[in-house]
Amino acid sequence: MSEKGNNKENNLKKFDLQERFINYAVRIIKVSEQLPETKAGKHISSQILRSGTSPAANYGEAQSAESKADFIHKLKVALKELRETDVWLKIIVRTKLIQPSIKWSSLLQETDELISILFKSIDTVKKKMDR
């Protein structure tokens, strides 16, 4: 495949991942809107809204990173926020703050997949830097 073809393919992969992060953020927004207006519900809503939507923005910022180190830093921030979101989702599920209308398993799976993708991306870039 030509270099031009590879660039097109890489851009498509980046776009697809950005879209996944945006779709994930939308799902998190919907979860936060379903939380009850209790003290716990408001607290968790605020926390998950922040942590669950920021990976999309951080990933977008990483695409314009000024260096490989900056790229890694931005991906690490997104990874940290995804891990926090995973904890909040598990708390919501265990406390049953939202009735099981949401397909929790698919949302938790998407969280795990995005964490894995970011972890692998960080690891790959670090290995390239060490060469």
N, C-alpha and C. Protein backbone atom coordinates (compact mmCIF):
# COMPACT_ATOMS: atom_id res chain seq x y z
N MET A 1 0.84 -1.18 0.00
CA MET A 1 0.00 0.00 0.00
C MET A 1 0.89 1.24 0.00
N SER A 2 0.48 2.26 -0.68
CA SER A 2 1.27 3.49 -0.75
C SER A 2 1.24 4.23 0.57
N GLU A 3 2.20 5.14 0.73
CA GLU A 3 2.23 5.93 1.96
C GLU A 3 0.95 6.76 2.08
N LYS A 4 0.48 7.27 0.95
CA LYS A 4 -0.75 8.06 0.96
C LYS A 4 -1.92 7.22 1.47
N GLY A 5 -1.99 5.96 1.03
CA GLY A 5 -3.04 5.06 1.49
C GLY A 5 -2.96 4.80 2.98
N ASN A 6 -1.73 4.64 3.48
CA ASN A 6 -1.55 4.43 4.92
C ASN A 6 -2.02 5.64 5.70
N ASN A 7 -1.70 6.84 5.23
CA ASN A 7 -2.14 8.05 5.93
C ASN A 7 -3.65 8.14 5.97
N LYS A 8 -4.30 7.80 4.87
CA LYS A 8 -5.75 7.83 4.83
C LYS A 8 -6.33 6.83 5.82
N GLU A 9 -5.74 5.64 5.86
CA GLU A 9 -6.20 4.61 6.79
C GLU A 9 -5.97 5.04 8.24
N ASN A 10 -4.81 5.63 8.54
CA ASN A 10 -4.53 6.10 9.90
C ASN A 10 -5.49 7.20 10.31
N ASN A 11 -5.77 8.13 9.39
CA ASN A 11 -6.72 9.21 9.70
C ASN A 11 -8.11 8.66 9.96
N LEU A 12 -8.51 7.62 9.21
CA LEU A 12 -9.81 7.00 9.42
C LEU A 12 -9.87 6.35 10.79
N LYS A 13 -8.79 5.66 11.21
CA LYS A 13 -8.75 5.04 12.53
C LYS A 13 -8.84 6.09 13.63
N LYS A 14 -8.10 7.20 13.48
CA LYS A 14 -8.14 8.28 14.47
C LYS A 14 -9.55 8.85 14.56
N PHE A 15 -10.17 9.06 13.40
CA PHE A 15 -11.53 9.61 13.38
C PHE A 15 -12.49 8.64 14.06
N ASP A 16 -12.36 7.35 13.75
CA ASP A 16 -13.24 6.37 14.35
C ASP A 16 -13.09 6.35 15.87
N LEU A 17 -11.87 6.44 16.36
CA LEU A 17 -11.65 6.45 17.81
C LEU A 17 -12.20 7.73 18.42
N GLN A 18 -12.01 8.86 17.76
CA GLN A 18 -12.59 10.12 18.26
C GLN A 18 -14.11 9.99 18.33
N GLU A 19 -14.69 9.39 17.33
CA GLU A 19 -16.15 9.19 17.33
C GLU A 19 -16.58 8.28 18.48
N ARG A 20 -15.79 7.24 18.74
CA ARG A 20 -16.10 6.36 19.87
C ARG A 20 -16.07 7.13 21.18
N PHE A 21 -15.08 8.00 21.35
CA PHE A 21 -15.01 8.80 22.57
C PHE A 21 -16.19 9.76 22.67
N ILE A 22 -16.58 10.34 21.58
CA ILE A 22 -17.74 11.25 21.58
C ILE A 22 -19.01 10.47 21.91
N ASN A 23 -19.20 9.33 21.27
CA ASN A 23 -20.38 8.51 21.56
C ASN A 23 -20.38 8.04 23.02
N TYR A 24 -19.22 7.74 23.54
CA TYR A 24 -19.09 7.34 24.94
C TYR A 24 -19.52 8.50 25.85
N ALA A 25 -19.05 9.69 25.54
CA ALA A 25 -19.42 10.87 26.33
C ALA A 25 -20.93 11.09 26.31
N VAL A 26 -21.55 10.89 25.17
CA VAL A 26 -23.01 11.04 25.06
C VAL A 26 -23.71 10.01 25.96
N ARG A 27 -23.22 8.79 25.96
CA ARG A 27 -23.81 7.76 26.81
C ARG A 27 -23.66 8.12 28.29
N ILE A 28 -22.51 8.67 28.66
CA ILE A 28 -22.28 9.07 30.05
C ILE A 28 -23.22 10.22 30.43
N ILE A 29 -23.41 11.16 29.53
CA ILE A 29 -24.35 12.27 29.79
C ILE A 29 -25.74 11.71 30.07
N LYS A 30 -26.15 10.74 29.27
CA LYS A 30 -27.48 10.14 29.46
C LYS A 30 -27.57 9.43 30.81
N VAL A 31 -26.49 8.77 31.22
CA VAL A 31 -26.46 8.13 32.54
C VAL A 31 -26.60 9.19 33.63
N SER A 32 -25.83 10.27 33.52
CA SER A 32 -25.87 11.30 34.56
C SER A 32 -27.25 11.93 34.67
N GLU A 33 -27.94 12.05 33.56
CA GLU A 33 -29.28 12.65 33.57
C GLU A 33 -30.32 11.74 34.20
N GLN A 34 -30.02 10.45 34.28
CA GLN A 34 -30.97 9.51 34.88
C GLN A 34 -30.77 9.34 36.38
N LEU A 35 -29.68 9.87 36.91
CA LEU A 35 -29.43 9.73 38.34
C LEU A 35 -30.44 10.53 39.14
N PRO A 36 -30.81 10.03 40.31
CA PRO A 36 -31.83 10.71 41.12
C PRO A 36 -31.33 12.04 41.68
N GLU A 37 -32.26 12.88 42.06
CA GLU A 37 -31.94 14.19 42.62
C GLU A 37 -31.66 14.11 44.13
N THR A 38 -31.04 13.01 44.55
CA THR A 38 -30.65 12.84 45.95
C THR A 38 -29.24 13.40 46.12
N LYS A 39 -28.80 13.49 47.37
CA LYS A 39 -27.44 13.96 47.63
C LYS A 39 -26.42 13.09 46.90
N ALA A 40 -26.56 11.77 47.02
CA ALA A 40 -25.64 10.84 46.35
C ALA A 40 -25.76 10.94 44.83
N GLY A 41 -26.99 10.99 44.35
CA GLY A 41 -27.22 11.07 42.91
C GLY A 41 -26.60 12.32 42.30
N LYS A 42 -26.75 13.45 42.95
CA LYS A 42 -26.17 14.70 42.45
C LYS A 42 -24.65 14.66 42.46
N HIS A 43 -24.10 14.11 43.54
CA HIS A 43 -22.64 14.02 43.66
C HIS A 43 -22.06 13.14 42.54
N ILE A 44 -22.63 11.95 42.40
CA ILE A 44 -22.13 11.02 41.40
C ILE A 44 -22.37 11.56 39.99
N SER A 45 -23.49 12.20 39.79
CA SER A 45 -23.79 12.79 38.48
C SER A 45 -22.72 13.80 38.09
N SER A 46 -22.36 14.65 39.02
CA SER A 46 -21.33 15.66 38.76
C SER A 46 -19.98 15.02 38.46
N GLN A 47 -19.63 14.01 39.24
CA GLN A 47 -18.34 13.35 39.08
C GLN A 47 -18.24 12.59 37.76
N ILE A 48 -19.27 11.81 37.46
CA ILE A 48 -19.22 10.98 36.26
C ILE A 48 -19.35 11.84 35.00
N LEU A 49 -20.08 12.92 35.11
CA LEU A 49 -20.21 13.84 33.97
C LEU A 49 -18.85 14.43 33.62
N ARG A 50 -18.09 14.80 34.62
CA ARG A 50 -16.76 15.37 34.39
C ARG A 50 -15.79 14.30 33.86
N SER A 51 -15.70 13.18 34.59
CA SER A 51 -14.71 12.16 34.21
C SER A 51 -15.09 11.43 32.92
N GLY A 52 -16.35 11.26 32.66
CA GLY A 52 -16.79 10.48 31.51
C GLY A 52 -16.84 11.23 30.20
N THR A 53 -16.84 12.55 30.28
CA THR A 53 -16.86 13.33 29.04
C THR A 53 -15.47 13.87 28.68
N SER A 54 -14.59 13.98 29.63
CA SER A 54 -13.27 14.56 29.35
C SER A 54 -12.38 13.72 28.45
N PRO A 55 -12.49 12.37 28.44
CA PRO A 55 -11.61 11.62 27.53
C PRO A 55 -11.76 12.02 26.06
N ALA A 56 -12.96 12.35 25.64
CA ALA A 56 -13.17 12.77 24.24
C ALA A 56 -12.37 14.04 23.94
N ALA A 57 -12.44 14.99 24.85
CA ALA A 57 -11.70 16.24 24.65
C ALA A 57 -10.19 16.03 24.76
N ASN A 58 -9.77 15.22 25.72
CA ASN A 58 -8.33 14.95 25.87
C ASN A 58 -7.78 14.19 24.68
N TYR A 59 -8.54 13.26 24.14
CA TYR A 59 -8.09 12.54 22.96
C TYR A 59 -7.98 13.51 21.78
N GLY A 60 -8.96 14.40 21.65
CA GLY A 60 -8.90 15.40 20.60
C GLY A 60 -7.67 16.29 20.73
N GLU A 61 -7.37 16.69 21.96
CA GLU A 61 -6.17 17.50 22.19
C GLU A 61 -4.90 16.72 21.86
N ALA A 62 -4.89 15.43 22.14
CA ALA A 62 -3.71 14.61 21.87
C ALA A 62 -3.39 14.59 20.37
N GLN A 63 -4.42 14.70 19.55
CA GLN A 63 -4.21 14.69 18.10
C GLN A 63 -3.42 15.92 17.63
N SER A 64 -3.39 16.96 18.45
CA SER A 64 -2.64 18.17 18.12
C SER A 64 -1.46 18.37 19.07
N ALA A 65 -1.00 17.29 19.66
CA ALA A 65 0.09 17.37 20.63
C ALA A 65 1.34 17.98 19.99
N GLU A 66 2.10 18.70 20.81
CA GLU A 66 3.29 19.39 20.33
C GLU A 66 4.51 18.47 20.28
N SER A 67 4.42 17.32 20.94
CA SER A 67 5.53 16.37 20.95
C SER A 67 4.97 15.00 21.33
N LYS A 68 5.82 13.98 21.22
CA LYS A 68 5.39 12.64 21.64
C LYS A 68 5.12 12.63 23.15
N ALA A 69 5.94 13.34 23.90
CA ALA A 69 5.74 13.41 25.36
C ALA A 69 4.40 14.08 25.68
N ASP A 70 4.07 15.13 24.95
CA ASP A 70 2.79 15.83 25.15
C ASP A 70 1.63 14.90 24.77
N PHE A 71 1.80 14.15 23.68
CA PHE A 71 0.80 13.19 23.23
C PHE A 71 0.54 12.16 24.33
N ILE A 72 1.63 11.60 24.87
CA ILE A 72 1.51 10.60 25.94
C ILE A 72 0.81 11.20 27.16
N HIS A 73 1.20 12.42 27.52
CA HIS A 73 0.59 13.08 28.68
C HIS A 73 -0.92 13.21 28.52
N LYS A 74 -1.35 13.66 27.34
CA LYS A 74 -2.79 13.86 27.10
C LYS A 74 -3.54 12.53 27.10
N LEU A 75 -2.92 11.49 26.55
CA LEU A 75 -3.56 10.17 26.58
C LEU A 75 -3.63 9.63 28.00
N LYS A 76 -2.59 9.90 28.81
CA LYS A 76 -2.61 9.45 30.21
C LYS A 76 -3.72 10.13 31.00
N VAL A 77 -3.97 11.41 30.70
CA VAL A 77 -5.07 12.12 31.37
C VAL A 77 -6.40 11.47 30.98
N ALA A 78 -6.57 11.18 29.69
CA ALA A 78 -7.80 10.52 29.24
C ALA A 78 -7.95 9.15 29.89
N LEU A 79 -6.86 8.41 30.00
CA LEU A 79 -6.87 7.09 30.63
C LEU A 79 -7.27 7.18 32.10
N LYS A 80 -6.70 8.14 32.81
CA LYS A 80 -7.03 8.36 34.22
C LYS A 80 -8.52 8.64 34.39
N GLU A 81 -9.06 9.48 33.52
CA GLU A 81 -10.48 9.84 33.60
C GLU A 81 -11.37 8.63 33.28
N LEU A 82 -10.97 7.81 32.33
CA LEU A 82 -11.75 6.61 32.01
C LEU A 82 -11.76 5.64 33.18
N ARG A 83 -10.63 5.49 33.84
CA ARG A 83 -10.58 4.60 35.00
C ARG A 83 -11.48 5.11 36.12
N GLU A 84 -11.50 6.42 36.30
CA GLU A 84 -12.40 6.99 37.32
C GLU A 84 -13.85 6.75 36.93
N THR A 85 -14.16 6.94 35.66
CA THR A 85 -15.53 6.72 35.19
C THR A 85 -15.96 5.28 35.42
N ASP A 86 -15.04 4.36 35.19
CA ASP A 86 -15.33 2.94 35.41
C ASP A 86 -15.75 2.70 36.86
N VAL A 87 -15.06 3.33 37.79
CA VAL A 87 -15.40 3.18 39.21
C VAL A 87 -16.80 3.76 39.49
N TRP A 88 -17.07 4.95 38.97
CA TRP A 88 -18.40 5.56 39.20
C TRP A 88 -19.51 4.69 38.61
N LEU A 89 -19.29 4.14 37.41
CA LEU A 89 -20.30 3.27 36.80
C LEU A 89 -20.56 2.05 37.68
N LYS A 90 -19.52 1.46 38.21
CA LYS A 90 -19.68 0.29 39.07
C LYS A 90 -20.41 0.65 40.37
N ILE A 91 -20.15 1.84 40.89
CA ILE A 91 -20.87 2.30 42.09
C ILE A 91 -22.35 2.47 41.78
N ILE A 92 -22.66 3.05 40.62
CA ILE A 92 -24.06 3.23 40.22
C ILE A 92 -24.76 1.88 40.11
N VAL A 93 -24.10 0.92 39.47
CA VAL A 93 -24.68 -0.41 39.29
C VAL A 93 -24.91 -1.08 40.64
N ARG A 94 -23.91 -1.04 41.51
CA ARG A 94 -24.03 -1.73 42.81
C ARG A 94 -25.04 -1.09 43.74
N THR A 95 -25.18 0.23 43.67
CA THR A 95 -26.15 0.91 44.53
C THR A 95 -27.55 0.94 43.92
N LYS A 96 -27.64 0.53 42.65
CA LYS A 96 -28.91 0.52 41.93
C LYS A 96 -29.57 1.90 41.93
N LEU A 97 -28.74 2.93 41.76
CA LEU A 97 -29.27 4.30 41.70
C LEU A 97 -30.11 4.53 40.44
N ILE A 98 -29.85 3.74 39.42
CA ILE A 98 -30.63 3.81 38.18
C ILE A 98 -31.21 2.43 37.94
N GLN A 99 -32.46 2.40 37.57
CA GLN A 99 -33.09 1.11 37.25
C GLN A 99 -32.40 0.52 36.03
N PRO A 100 -32.38 -0.79 35.93
CA PRO A 100 -31.61 -1.45 34.88
C PRO A 100 -32.11 -1.25 33.45
N SER A 101 -32.52 -0.05 33.09
CA SER A 101 -32.95 0.21 31.71
C SER A 101 -31.73 0.39 30.81
N ILE A 102 -30.62 0.79 31.40
CA ILE A 102 -29.39 0.97 30.63
C ILE A 102 -28.73 -0.38 30.48
N LYS A 103 -28.13 -0.61 29.34
CA LYS A 103 -27.40 -1.86 29.12
C LYS A 103 -26.01 -1.70 29.73
N TRP A 104 -25.94 -1.97 31.03
CA TRP A 104 -24.70 -1.74 31.77
C TRP A 104 -23.53 -2.53 31.22
N SER A 105 -23.78 -3.77 30.84
CA SER A 105 -22.66 -4.60 30.38
C SER A 105 -21.99 -3.99 29.15
N SER A 106 -22.77 -3.43 28.22
CA SER A 106 -22.16 -2.85 27.03
C SER A 106 -21.42 -1.56 27.35
N LEU A 107 -21.92 -0.78 28.30
CA LEU A 107 -21.24 0.46 28.69
C LEU A 107 -19.95 0.15 29.45
N LEU A 108 -20.01 -0.82 30.34
CA LEU A 108 -18.80 -1.24 31.06
C LEU A 108 -17.78 -1.86 30.11
N GLN A 109 -18.26 -2.61 29.13
CA GLN A 109 -17.35 -3.20 28.14
C GLN A 109 -16.69 -2.11 27.30
N GLU A 110 -17.45 -1.11 26.88
CA GLU A 110 -16.87 -0.01 26.11
C GLU A 110 -15.84 0.74 26.94
N THR A 111 -16.10 0.92 28.22
CA THR A 111 -15.12 1.56 29.10
C THR A 111 -13.83 0.74 29.13
N ASP A 112 -13.96 -0.56 29.32
CA ASP A 112 -12.78 -1.45 29.34
C ASP A 112 -12.02 -1.40 28.02
N GLU A 113 -12.75 -1.41 26.91
CA GLU A 113 -12.10 -1.38 25.59
C GLU A 113 -11.35 -0.07 25.37
N LEU A 114 -11.96 1.05 25.74
CA LEU A 114 -11.30 2.34 25.57
C LEU A 114 -10.06 2.44 26.46
N ILE A 115 -10.16 1.91 27.68
CA ILE A 115 -8.99 1.87 28.58
C ILE A 115 -7.87 1.06 27.93
N SER A 116 -8.21 -0.09 27.39
CA SER A 116 -7.20 -0.95 26.74
C SER A 116 -6.56 -0.26 25.54
N ILE A 117 -7.36 0.40 24.73
CA ILE A 117 -6.85 1.10 23.55
C ILE A 117 -5.87 2.19 23.97
N LEU A 118 -6.24 2.99 24.96
CA LEU A 118 -5.36 4.07 25.39
C LEU A 118 -4.08 3.51 26.02
N PHE A 119 -4.21 2.48 26.84
CA PHE A 119 -3.04 1.88 27.47
C PHE A 119 -2.06 1.38 26.41
N LYS A 120 -2.59 0.68 25.41
CA LYS A 120 -1.75 0.14 24.34
C LYS A 120 -1.13 1.27 23.52
N SER A 121 -1.89 2.31 23.25
CA SER A 121 -1.37 3.46 22.49
C SER A 121 -0.22 4.13 23.23
N ILE A 122 -0.38 4.32 24.52
CA ILE A 122 0.68 4.93 25.34
C ILE A 122 1.92 4.05 25.31
N ASP A 123 1.72 2.76 25.50
CA ASP A 123 2.83 1.81 25.51
C ASP A 123 3.56 1.81 24.16
N THR A 124 2.82 1.84 23.07
CA THR A 124 3.42 1.83 21.72
C THR A 124 4.26 3.08 21.49
N VAL A 125 3.74 4.24 21.85
CA VAL A 125 4.47 5.49 21.65
C VAL A 125 5.72 5.52 22.53
N LYS A 126 5.61 5.04 23.76
CA LYS A 126 6.78 4.99 24.66
C LYS A 126 7.87 4.12 24.06
N LYS A 127 7.49 2.96 23.51
CA LYS A 127 8.48 2.06 22.91
C LYS A 127 9.16 2.72 21.71
N LYS A 128 8.41 3.47 20.93
CA LYS A 128 8.99 4.17 19.78
C LYS A 128 9.95 5.26 20.23
N MET A 129 9.65 5.89 21.38
CA MET A 129 10.52 6.94 21.91
C MET A 129 11.85 6.36 22.41
N ASP A 130 11.79 5.12 22.90
CA ASP A 130 13.00 4.49 23.46
C ASP A 130 13.96 3.99 22.39
N ARG A 131 13.53 3.96 21.17
CA ARG A 131 14.40 3.48 20.08
C ARG A 131 15.49 4.45 19.76
